[in-house]
C-alpha atoms as a PDB file:
ATOM      1  CA  UNK A   1       0.000   0.000   0.000  1.00  0.00           C
ATOM      2  CA  UNK A   2       1.424   3.374  -1.003  1.00  0.00           C
ATOM      3  CA  UNK A   3       1.810   6.019   1.676  1.00  0.00           C
ATOM      4  CA  UNK A   4       1.217   9.695   1.030  1.00  0.00           C
ATOM      5  CA  UNK A   5       4.504  11.540   1.546  1.00  0.00           C
ATOM      6  CA  UNK A   6       2.646  14.482   3.093  1.00  0.00           C
ATOM      7  CA  UNK A   7       1.622  12.229   5.998  1.00  0.00           C
ATOM      8  CA  UNK A   8       5.264  11.434   6.853  1.00  0.00           C
ATOM      9  CA  UNK A   9       7.734  13.482   8.913  1.00  0.00           C
ATOM     10  CA  UNK A  10       5.123  15.865  10.311  1.00  0.00           C
ATOM     11  CA  UNK A  11       6.279  18.231  13.034  1.00  0.00           C
ATOM     12  CA  UNK A  12       3.532  19.740  15.179  1.00  0.00           C
ATOM     13  CA  UNK A  13       4.693  22.687  17.302  1.00  0.00           C
ATOM     14  CA  UNK A  14       2.115  23.910  19.833  1.00  0.00           C
ATOM     15  CA  UNK A  15       2.417  27.321  21.499  1.00  0.00           C
ATOM     16  CA  UNK A  16       0.225  27.460  24.615  1.00  0.00           C
ATOM     17  CA  UNK A  17      -0.587  30.479  26.746  1.00  0.00           C
ATOM     18  CA  UNK A  18      -0.177  29.352  30.363  1.00  0.00           C
ATOM     19  CA  UNK A  19      -0.366  32.762  32.030  1.00  0.00           C
ATOM     20  CA  UNK A  20      -2.238  32.007  35.289  1.00  0.00           C
ATOM     21  CA  UNK A  21      -3.733  35.531  35.339  1.00  0.00           C
ATOM     22  CA  UNK A  22      -6.024  34.902  32.371  1.00  0.00           C
ATOM     23  CA  UNK A  23      -9.734  35.378  32.993  1.00  0.00           C
ATOM     24  CA  UNK A  24     -10.439  31.794  31.962  1.00  0.00           C
ATOM     25  CA  UNK A  25      -8.351  30.355  34.790  1.00  0.00           C
ATOM     26  CA  UNK A  26      -9.753  32.830  37.314  1.00  0.00           C
ATOM     27  CA  UNK A  27     -13.412  32.180  36.494  1.00  0.00           C
ATOM     28  CA  UNK A  28     -13.356  28.399  36.000  1.00  0.00           C
ATOM     29  CA  UNK A  29     -11.635  26.250  38.590  1.00  0.00           C
ATOM     30  CA  UNK A  30      -9.736  23.321  37.131  1.00  0.00           C
ATOM     31  CA  UNK A  31      -9.646  24.886  33.669  1.00  0.00           C
ATOM     32  CA  UNK A  32      -5.839  24.978  33.575  1.00  0.00           C
ATOM     33  CA  UNK A  33      -5.543  21.219  34.175  1.00  0.00           C
ATOM     34  CA  UNK A  34      -8.226  20.546  31.582  1.00  0.00           C
ATOM     35  CA  UNK A  35      -6.440  22.717  29.024  1.00  0.00           C
ATOM     36  CA  UNK A  36      -3.074  21.081  29.706  1.00  0.00           C
ATOM     37  CA  UNK A  37      -4.493  17.550  29.535  1.00  0.00           C
ATOM     38  CA  UNK A  38      -6.214  18.325  26.215  1.00  0.00           C
ATOM     39  CA  UNK A  39      -2.954  19.598  24.724  1.00  0.00           C
ATOM     40  CA  UNK A  40      -1.003  16.545  25.915  1.00  0.00           C
ATOM     41  CA  UNK A  41      -3.689  14.292  24.450  1.00  0.00           C
ATOM     42  CA  UNK A  42      -3.319  16.073  21.090  1.00  0.00           C
ATOM     43  CA  UNK A  43       0.468  15.594  21.163  1.00  0.00           C
ATOM     44  CA  UNK A  44       0.110  11.886  21.962  1.00  0.00           C
ATOM     45  CA  UNK A  45      -2.412  11.413  19.156  1.00  0.00           C
ATOM     46  CA  UNK A  46      -0.065  13.095  16.705  1.00  0.00           C
ATOM     47  CA  UNK A  47       2.786  10.798  17.734  1.00  0.00           C
ATOM     48  CA  UNK A  48       0.511   7.796  17.386  1.00  0.00           C
ATOM     49  CA  UNK A  49      -0.447   8.596  13.780  1.00  0.00           C
ATOM     50  CA  UNK A  50       2.987   7.794  12.363  1.00  0.00           C
ATOM     51  CA  UNK A  51       6.343   6.784  13.861  1.00  0.00           C
ATOM     52  CA  UNK A  52       8.065   9.568  11.872  1.00  0.00           C
ATOM     53  CA  UNK A  53       5.969  12.320  13.483  1.00  0.00           C
ATOM     54  CA  UNK A  54       7.466  14.735  15.992  1.00  0.00           C
ATOM     55  CA  UNK A  55       5.993  17.181  18.492  1.00  0.00           C
ATOM     56  CA  UNK A  56       7.148  20.224  20.431  1.00  0.00           C
ATOM     57  CA  UNK A  57       5.404  22.338  23.058  1.00  0.00           C
ATOM     58  CA  UNK A  58       6.270  25.917  24.005  1.00  0.00           C
ATOM     59  CA  UNK A  59       4.749  28.062  26.731  1.00  0.00           C
ATOM     60  CA  UNK A  60       4.040  31.785  26.624  1.00  0.00           C
ATOM     61  CA  UNK A  61       3.624  33.493  29.996  1.00  0.00           C
ATOM     62  CA  UNK A  62       3.800  36.964  31.469  1.00  0.00           C
ATOM     63  CA  UNK A  63       7.562  37.311  31.850  1.00  0.00           C
ATOM     64  CA  UNK A  64       9.151  34.891  29.408  1.00  0.00           C
ATOM     65  CA  UNK A  65       8.765  32.132  26.815  1.00  0.00           C
ATOM     66  CA  UNK A  66       9.865  28.598  27.657  1.00  0.00           C
ATOM     67  CA  UNK A  67      10.246  25.173  26.097  1.00  0.00           C
ATOM     68  CA  UNK A  68       8.052  22.537  27.728  1.00  0.00           C
ATOM     69  CA  UNK A  69       8.799  19.640  25.378  1.00  0.00           C
ATOM     70  CA  UNK A  70      11.303  18.414  24.398  1.00  0.00           C
ATOM     71  CA  UNK A  71      13.252  19.057  27.564  1.00  0.00           C
ATOM     72  CA  UNK A  72      15.737  21.895  26.849  1.00  0.00           C
ATOM     73  CA  UNK A  73      18.197  20.342  29.306  1.00  0.00           C
ATOM     74  CA  UNK A  74      18.551  17.331  27.001  1.00  0.00           C
ATOM     75  CA  UNK A  75      17.625  14.709  29.590  1.00  0.00           C
ATOM     76  CA  UNK A  76      17.440  11.097  28.445  1.00  0.00           C
ATOM     77  CA  UNK A  77      14.272   9.177  27.736  1.00  0.00           C
ATOM     78  CA  UNK A  78      12.105   8.115  30.650  1.00  0.00           C
ATOM     79  CA  UNK A  79      10.895   4.536  30.722  1.00  0.00           C
ATOM     80  CA  UNK A  80       8.094   3.098  32.770  1.00  0.00           C
ATOM     81  CA  UNK A  81       7.382  -0.595  33.037  1.00  0.00           C
ATOM     82  CA  UNK A  82       4.745  -0.633  35.803  1.00  0.00           C
ATOM     83  CA  UNK A  83       1.703  -0.409  33.534  1.00  0.00           C
ATOM     84  CA  UNK A  84       0.837  -0.643  29.867  1.00  0.00           C
ATOM     85  CA  UNK A  85       1.363   3.043  29.043  1.00  0.00           C
ATOM     86  CA  UNK A  86       3.460   3.687  25.978  1.00  0.00           C
ATOM     87  CA  UNK A  87       6.903   5.006  26.955  1.00  0.00           C
ATOM     88  CA  UNK A  88       6.742   7.961  24.558  1.00  0.00           C
ATOM     89  CA  UNK A  89       3.413   9.088  26.038  1.00  0.00           C
ATOM     90  CA  UNK A  90       4.780   8.817  29.564  1.00  0.00           C
ATOM     91  CA  UNK A  91       7.815  10.856  28.549  1.00  0.00           C
ATOM     92  CA  UNK A  92       5.635  13.654  27.152  1.00  0.00           C
ATOM     93  CA  UNK A  93       3.414  13.678  30.238  1.00  0.00           C
ATOM     94  CA  UNK A  94       6.269  13.676  32.750  1.00  0.00           C
ATOM     95  CA  UNK A  95       8.447  16.277  31.035  1.00  0.00           C
ATOM     96  CA  UNK A  96       5.556  18.680  30.338  1.00  0.00           C
ATOM     97  CA  UNK A  97       4.173  18.592  33.891  1.00  0.00           C
ATOM     98  CA  UNK A  98       7.630  19.064  35.383  1.00  0.00           C
ATOM     99  CA  UNK A  99       8.467  21.976  33.093  1.00  0.00           C
ATOM    100  CA  UNK A 100       5.089  23.675  33.699  1.00  0.00           C
ATOM    101  CA  UNK A 101       5.704  23.554  37.451  1.00  0.00           C
ATOM    102  CA  UNK A 102       9.133  25.148  37.029  1.00  0.00           C
ATOM    103  CA  UNK A 103       7.830  27.889  34.728  1.00  0.00           C
ATOM    104  CA  UNK A 104       4.917  28.832  37.012  1.00  0.00           C
ATOM    105  CA  UNK A 105       7.197  28.846  40.051  1.00  0.00           C
ATOM    106  CA  UNK A 106       9.583  31.195  38.225  1.00  0.00           C
ATOM    107  CA  UNK A 107       6.679  33.499  37.367  1.00  0.00           C
ATOM    108  CA  UNK A 108       5.562  33.633  40.998  1.00  0.00           C
ATOM    109  CA  UNK A 109       9.064  34.582  42.075  1.00  0.00           C
ATOM    110  CA  UNK A 110       9.094  37.409  39.539  1.00  0.00           C
ATOM    111  CA  UNK A 111       5.988  38.920  41.112  1.00  0.00           C
ATOM    112  CA  UNK A 112       4.636  40.448  37.879  1.00  0.00           C
ATOM    113  CA  UNK A 113       0.870  39.888  37.728  1.00  0.00           C
ATOM    114  CA  UNK A 114      -0.078  40.689  34.141  1.00  0.00           C
ATOM    115  CA  UNK A 115      -2.800  39.111  32.016  1.00  0.00           C
ATOM    116  CA  UNK A 116      -0.803  39.773  28.821  1.00  0.00           C
ATOM    117  CA  UNK A 117       1.450  36.961  27.585  1.00  0.00           C
ATOM    118  CA  UNK A 118       4.448  37.011  25.251  1.00  0.00           C
ATOM    119  CA  UNK A 119       2.768  34.996  22.519  1.00  0.00           C
ATOM    120  CA  UNK A 120       4.672  36.663  19.701  1.00  0.00           C
ATOM    121  CA  UNK A 121       7.990  35.778  21.352  1.00  0.00           C
ATOM    122  CA  UNK A 122       6.932  32.147  21.779  1.00  0.00           C
ATOM    123  CA  UNK A 123       5.935  32.010  18.105  1.00  0.00           C
ATOM    124  CA  UNK A 124       9.356  33.357  17.125  1.00  0.00           C
ATOM    125  CA  UNK A 125      10.998  30.654  19.249  1.00  0.00           C
ATOM    126  CA  UNK A 126       8.812  28.047  17.559  1.00  0.00           C
ATOM    127  CA  UNK A 127       9.922  29.212  14.102  1.00  0.00           C
ATOM    128  CA  UNK A 128      13.551  29.060  15.220  1.00  0.00           C
ATOM    129  CA  UNK A 129      13.001  25.510  16.501  1.00  0.00           C
ATOM    130  CA  UNK A 130      11.439  24.461  13.178  1.00  0.00           C
ATOM    131  CA  UNK A 131      14.292  26.037  11.228  1.00  0.00           C
ATOM    132  CA  UNK A 132      16.830  24.166  13.354  1.00  0.00           C
ATOM    133  CA  UNK A 133      15.031  20.863  12.806  1.00  0.00           C
ATOM    134  CA  UNK A 134      14.812  21.521   9.083  1.00  0.00           C
ATOM    135  CA  UNK A 135      18.524  22.367   8.854  1.00  0.00           C
ATOM    136  CA  UNK A 136      19.423  19.030  10.441  1.00  0.00           C
ATOM    137  CA  UNK A 137      17.503  17.031   7.828  1.00  0.00           C
ATOM    138  CA  UNK A 138      19.062  15.184   4.954  1.00  0.00           C
ATOM    139  CA  UNK A 139      18.834  17.095   1.686  1.00  0.00           C
ATOM    140  CA  UNK A 140      15.719  16.101  -0.219  1.00  0.00           C
ATOM    141  CA  UNK A 141      13.952  14.564   2.781  1.00  0.00           C
ATOM    142  CA  UNK A 142      10.295  15.584   3.055  1.00  0.00           C
ATOM    143  CA  UNK A 143       9.478  17.717   6.102  1.00  0.00           C
ATOM    144  CA  UNK A 144       6.016  19.057   6.985  1.00  0.00           C
ATOM    145  CA  UNK A 145       6.016  21.448   9.973  1.00  0.00           C
ATOM    146  CA  UNK A 146       3.012  23.391  11.234  1.00  0.00           C
ATOM    147  CA  UNK A 147       2.188  25.678  14.154  1.00  0.00           C
ATOM    148  CA  UNK A 148      -0.758  25.703  16.546  1.00  0.00           C
ATOM    149  CA  UNK A 149      -1.430  28.595  18.937  1.00  0.00           C
ATOM    150  CA  UNK A 150      -3.754  28.168  21.917  1.00  0.00           C
ATOM    151  CA  UNK A 151      -4.765  31.092  24.100  1.00  0.00           C
ATOM    152  CA  UNK A 152      -7.639  32.501  26.140  1.00  0.00           C
ATOM    153  CA  UNK A 153      -6.391  36.106  25.929  1.00  0.00           C
ATOM    154  CA  UNK A 154      -7.703  38.654  23.459  1.00  0.00           C
ATOM    155  CA  UNK A 155      -5.742  41.042  21.246  1.00  0.00           C
ATOM    156  CA  UNK A 156      -2.432  42.537  22.333  1.00  0.00           C
ATOM    157  CA  UNK A 157      -1.779  45.490  20.055  1.00  0.00           C
ATOM    158  CA  UNK A 158       1.487  46.251  21.881  1.00  0.00           C
ATOM    159  CA  UNK A 159       3.044  43.236  20.126  1.00  0.00           C
ATOM    160  CA  UNK A 160       1.665  44.148  16.694  1.00  0.00           C
ATOM    161  CA  UNK A 161       5.012  44.468  14.898  1.00  0.00           C
ATOM    162  CA  UNK A 162       6.323  41.241  16.435  1.00  0.00           C
ATOM    163  CA  UNK A 163       3.202  39.416  15.299  1.00  0.00           C
ATOM    164  CA  UNK A 164       3.521  40.736  11.744  1.00  0.00           C
ATOM    165  CA  UNK A 165       7.170  39.680  11.549  1.00  0.00           C
ATOM    166  CA  UNK A 166       6.241  36.167  12.708  1.00  0.00           C
ATOM    167  CA  UNK A 167       3.321  35.892  10.285  1.00  0.00           C
ATOM    168  CA  UNK A 168       5.271  36.890   7.184  1.00  0.00           C
ATOM    169  CA  UNK A 169       8.249  34.735   8.216  1.00  0.00           C
ATOM    170  CA  UNK A 170       5.951  31.721   8.563  1.00  0.00           C
ATOM    171  CA  UNK A 171       4.420  32.521   5.181  1.00  0.00           C
ATOM    172  CA  UNK A 172       7.864  32.658   3.575  1.00  0.00           C
ATOM    173  CA  UNK A 173       8.829  29.349   5.215  1.00  0.00           C
ATOM    174  CA  UNK A 174       5.523  27.809   4.034  1.00  0.00           C
ATOM    175  CA  UNK A 175       4.459  26.962   7.606  1.00  0.00           C
ATOM    176  CA  UNK A 176       0.687  27.132   8.277  1.00  0.00           C
ATOM    177  CA  UNK A 177      -0.304  28.793  11.533  1.00  0.00           C
ATOM    178  CA  UNK A 178      -3.442  27.380  13.156  1.00  0.00           C
ATOM    179  CA  UNK A 179      -5.163  29.217  15.999  1.00  0.00           C
ATOM    180  CA  UNK A 180      -7.455  27.817  18.684  1.00  0.00           C
ATOM    181  CA  UNK A 181      -8.911  30.558  20.880  1.00  0.00           C
ATOM    182  CA  UNK A 182     -10.806  29.587  24.030  1.00  0.00           C
ATOM    183  CA  UNK A 183     -13.794  31.826  24.897  1.00  0.00           C
ATOM    184  CA  UNK A 184     -12.046  34.851  23.319  1.00  0.00           C
ATOM    185  CA  UNK A 185     -11.337  36.272  19.870  1.00  0.00           C
ATOM    186  CA  UNK A 186      -8.073  37.639  18.505  1.00  0.00           C
ATOM    187  CA  UNK A 187      -8.032  39.775  15.394  1.00  0.00           C
ATOM    188  CA  UNK A 188      -4.238  39.611  15.073  1.00  0.00           C
ATOM    189  CA  UNK A 189      -4.145  35.810  15.183  1.00  0.00           C
ATOM    190  CA  UNK A 190      -7.007  35.763  12.674  1.00  0.00           C
ATOM    191  CA  UNK A 191      -4.770  37.711  10.325  1.00  0.00           C
ATOM    192  CA  UNK A 192      -1.872  35.317  10.941  1.00  0.00           C
ATOM    193  CA  UNK A 193      -3.943  32.240  10.172  1.00  0.00           C
ATOM    194  CA  UNK A 194      -5.319  33.833   7.019  1.00  0.00           C
ATOM    195  CA  UNK A 195      -1.884  34.995   5.812  1.00  0.00           C
ATOM    196  CA  UNK A 196      -0.230  31.581   6.319  1.00  0.00           C
ATOM    197  CA  UNK A 197      -3.150  29.451   5.115  1.00  0.00           C
ATOM    198  CA  UNK A 198      -3.972  28.072   8.543  1.00  0.00           C
ATOM    199  CA  UNK A 199      -7.238  27.518  10.396  1.00  0.00           C
ATOM    200  CA  UNK A 200      -8.768  29.842  12.989  1.00  0.00           C
ATOM    201  CA  UNK A 201     -11.341  28.455  15.428  1.00  0.00           C
ATOM    202  CA  UNK A 202     -12.931  29.898  18.549  1.00  0.00           C
ATOM    203  CA  UNK A 203     -14.017  27.309  21.126  1.00  0.00           C
ATOM    204  CA  UNK A 204     -17.070  28.502  23.028  1.00  0.00           C
ATOM    205  CA  UNK A 205     -16.952  25.870  25.803  1.00  0.00           C
ATOM    206  CA  UNK A 206     -13.882  24.419  27.454  1.00  0.00           C
ATOM    207  CA  UNK A 207     -15.572  21.035  27.775  1.00  0.00           C
ATOM    208  CA  UNK A 208     -15.466  20.632  23.979  1.00  0.00           C
ATOM    209  CA  UNK A 209     -11.818  21.632  23.568  1.00  0.00           C
ATOM    210  CA  UNK A 210     -10.432  18.121  23.104  1.00  0.00           C
ATOM    211  CA  UNK A 211     -13.091  17.356  20.505  1.00  0.00           C
ATOM    212  CA  UNK A 212     -12.115  20.453  18.493  1.00  0.00           C
ATOM    213  CA  UNK A 213      -8.409  19.616  18.747  1.00  0.00           C
ATOM    214  CA  UNK A 214      -8.942  16.044  17.545  1.00  0.00           C
ATOM    215  CA  UNK A 215     -11.433  16.949  14.818  1.00  0.00           C
ATOM    216  CA  UNK A 216      -9.816  20.030  13.283  1.00  0.00           C
ATOM    217  CA  UNK A 217      -6.187  20.364  14.363  1.00  0.00           C
ATOM    218  CA  UNK A 218      -4.981  16.753  14.465  1.00  0.00           C
ATOM    219  CA  UNK A 219      -5.336  16.252  10.669  1.00  0.00           C
ATOM    220  CA  UNK A 220      -2.904  18.111   8.445  1.00  0.00           C
ATOM    221  CA  UNK A 221      -3.911  20.826   5.964  1.00  0.00           C
ATOM    222  CA  UNK A 222      -4.134  18.311   3.111  1.00  0.00           C
ATOM    223  CA  UNK A 223      -6.714  16.176   4.963  1.00  0.00           C
ATOM    224  CA  UNK A 224      -8.876  19.023   6.229  1.00  0.00           C
ATOM    225  CA  UNK A 225     -10.360  19.520   2.784  1.00  0.00           C
ATOM    226  CA  UNK A 226     -12.202  16.210   3.218  1.00  0.00           C
ATOM    227  CA  UNK A 227     -13.608  17.163   6.638  1.00  0.00           C
ATOM    228  CA  UNK A 228     -16.652  19.242   7.431  1.00  0.00           C
ATOM    229  CA  UNK A 229     -14.734  22.180   8.837  1.00  0.00           C
ATOM    230  CA  UNK A 230     -16.563  25.273  10.146  1.00  0.00           C
ATOM    231  CA  UNK A 231     -17.044  28.112   7.643  1.00  0.00           C
ATOM    232  CA  UNK A 232     -14.228  30.679   7.592  1.00  0.00           C
ATOM    233  CA  UNK A 233     -14.734  33.754   9.734  1.00  0.00           C
ATOM    234  CA  UNK A 234     -14.468  37.306   8.479  1.00  0.00           C
ATOM    235  CA  UNK A 235     -10.904  38.477   9.080  1.00  0.00           C
ATOM    236  CA  UNK A 236     -10.387  41.813  10.793  1.00  0.00           C
ATOM    237  CA  UNK A 237      -7.438  43.411   8.976  1.00  0.00           C
ATOM    238  CA  UNK A 238      -7.260  46.583  11.011  1.00  0.00           C
ATOM    239  CA  UNK A 239      -3.754  47.701  11.912  1.00  0.00           C
ATOM    240  CA  UNK A 240      -2.495  48.934  15.270  1.00  0.00           C
ATOM    241  CA  UNK A 241      -1.168  52.466  15.538  1.00  0.00           C
ATOM    242  CA  UNK A 242       2.417  52.914  16.683  1.00  0.00           C
ATOM    243  CA  UNK A 243       1.599  55.705  19.116  1.00  0.00           C
ATOM    244  CA  UNK A 244      -1.087  54.166  21.333  1.00  0.00           C
ATOM    245  CA  UNK A 245      -1.031  50.509  20.163  1.00  0.00           C
ATOM    246  CA  UNK A 246      -4.740  50.629  19.387  1.00  0.00           C
ATOM    247  CA  UNK A 247      -6.481  49.118  16.371  1.00  0.00           C
ATOM    248  CA  UNK A 248      -7.568  51.855  13.957  1.00  0.00           C
ATOM    249  CA  UNK A 249      -9.863  51.967  10.933  1.00  0.00           C
ATOM    250  CA  UNK A 250      -8.348  55.099   9.352  1.00  0.00           C
ATOM    251  CA  UNK A 251      -4.935  56.522  10.198  1.00  0.00           C
ATOM    252  CA  UNK A 252      -1.811  58.319   8.956  1.00  0.00           C
ATOM    253  CA  UNK A 253       1.014  56.302   7.373  1.00  0.00           C
ATOM    254  CA  UNK A 254       4.640  57.406   7.231  1.00  0.00           C
ATOM    255  CA  UNK A 255       5.745  57.437   3.587  1.00  0.00           C
ATOM    256  CA  UNK A 256       9.306  56.436   4.570  1.00  0.00           C
ATOM    257  CA  UNK A 257       8.986  53.525   7.033  1.00  0.00           C
ATOM    258  CA  UNK A 258       5.212  52.813   6.729  1.00  0.00           C
ATOM    259  CA  UNK A 259       4.573  53.362  10.438  1.00  0.00           C
ATOM    260  CA  UNK A 260       0.908  53.895  11.307  1.00  0.00           C
ATOM    261  CA  UNK A 261      -0.447  56.657  13.554  1.00  0.00           C
ATOM    262  CA  UNK A 262      -3.984  57.370  14.666  1.00  0.00           C
ATOM    263  CA  UNK A 263      -3.447  61.147  14.377  1.00  0.00           C
ATOM    264  CA  UNK A 264      -1.094  63.413  12.453  1.00  0.00           C
ATOM    265  CA  UNK A 265       2.425  63.656  13.866  1.00  0.00           C
ATOM    266  CA  UNK A 266       4.888  66.154  12.314  1.00  0.00           C
ATOM    267  CA  UNK A 267       7.847  63.882  13.210  1.00  0.00           C
ATOM    268  CA  UNK A 268       7.714  60.107  12.714  1.00  0.00           C
ATOM    269  CA  UNK A 269       8.670  58.457  16.013  1.00  0.00           C
ATOM    270  CA  UNK A 270      10.101  55.444  14.166  1.00  0.00           C
ATOM    271  CA  UNK A 271      12.383  56.894  11.475  1.00  0.00           C
ATOM    272  CA  UNK A 272      12.328  60.571  12.629  1.00  0.00           C
ATOM    273  CA  UNK A 273      11.237  61.865   9.251  1.00  0.00           C
ATOM    274  CA  UNK A 274       9.785  65.395   9.287  1.00  0.00           C
ATOM    275  CA  UNK A 275       6.505  66.099   7.509  1.00  0.00           C
ATOM    276  CA  UNK A 276       4.738  69.308   6.658  1.00  0.00           C
ATOM    277  CA  UNK A 277       1.503  69.887   8.487  1.00  0.00           C
ATOM    278  CA  UNK A 278      -1.482  69.493   6.205  1.00  0.00           C
ATOM    279  CA  UNK A 279      -3.044  72.858   5.359  1.00  0.00           C
ATOM    280  CA  UNK A 280      -6.658  73.714   4.999  1.00  0.00           C
ATOM    281  CA  UNK A 281      -8.299  72.445   1.836  1.00  0.00           C
ATOM    282  CA  UNK A 282      -8.673  75.170  -0.803  1.00  0.00           C
ATOM    283  CA  UNK A 283     -12.040  76.795  -0.752  1.00  0.00           C
ATOM    284  CA  UNK A 284     -13.947  76.809  -3.980  1.00  0.00           C
ATOM    285  CA  UNK A 285     -16.054  79.830  -4.836  1.00  0.00           C
ATOM    286  CA  UNK A 286     -19.567  78.914  -5.592  1.00  0.00           C
ATOM    287  CA  UNK A 287     -20.835  80.152  -8.904  1.00  0.00           C
ATOM    288  CA  UNK A 288     -24.118  81.978  -8.512  1.00  0.00           C
ATOM    289  CA  UNK A 289     -26.234  81.596 -11.572  1.00  0.00           C
ATOM    290  CA  UNK A 290     -27.666  84.808 -12.881  1.00  0.00           C
ATOM    291  CA  UNK A 291     -31.208  83.858 -13.500  1.00  0.00           C
ATOM    292  CA  UNK A 292     -31.929  87.255 -14.952  1.00  0.00           C
ATOM    293  CA  UNK A 293     -29.290  86.889 -17.683  1.00  0.00           C
ATOM    294  CA  UNK A 294     -30.584  83.458 -18.560  1.00  0.00           C
ATOM    295  CA  UNK A 295     -33.984  84.913 -19.085  1.00  0.00           C
END
């Protein structure tokens, strides 16, 4: 039986927002454990599909971005012979839970209680990890990486430029970026999924998260065409201004560096170009028709 080459050597890199100050974790007790168990189940399912598949898990939190799996310390494989659990699954479970405990403990020591996470930085780390894995491959060997972002935090316009750099880098590397938002929407991640050809889904209930992950994000992009996927959502392509980091409908654009501002600024704060203040529009004299002459 012939095997589709697109189903071999698939690398699934998941970026998960584990900031404990998210509203989801504050309002629903036990939601963090449920989210983490659903992600680990997705990773195990991906490994089970084909022996050539690989997985990686990165965490975005308030103060830093960290690798959860594989272990950045390079520890050896963990084996367990007490029950019938597959050794690879046990390794993923043990390493991820240990790393999550270390990351959360480090955050508590930092003392910074912020609901905003460094998702853009974690995505950049994920692209660097994929590039490193791709560079170590034999020339001509098929390699199919993809990214999945999971978060319960809304838009963060302060990281707009970082997001755009990640999105266009992923597009150039031909890496689809899938997004799974839990109880929240993100216009920036909608743009990233649309730019890279990925899938954007908002999960309304945490109890159905594992079902969404297995149904939509476990299959690769080539197999999703045969599934009954939800209809695509309307993408919000508003940009964030560089002065207040707010999404704007209409703004001023620097003609030199293309920075966006919500109001006119005589000096661009990015490239320091000087612009002339716009004058008043020329007034046009209204022509008064001489009805008497027409008669």
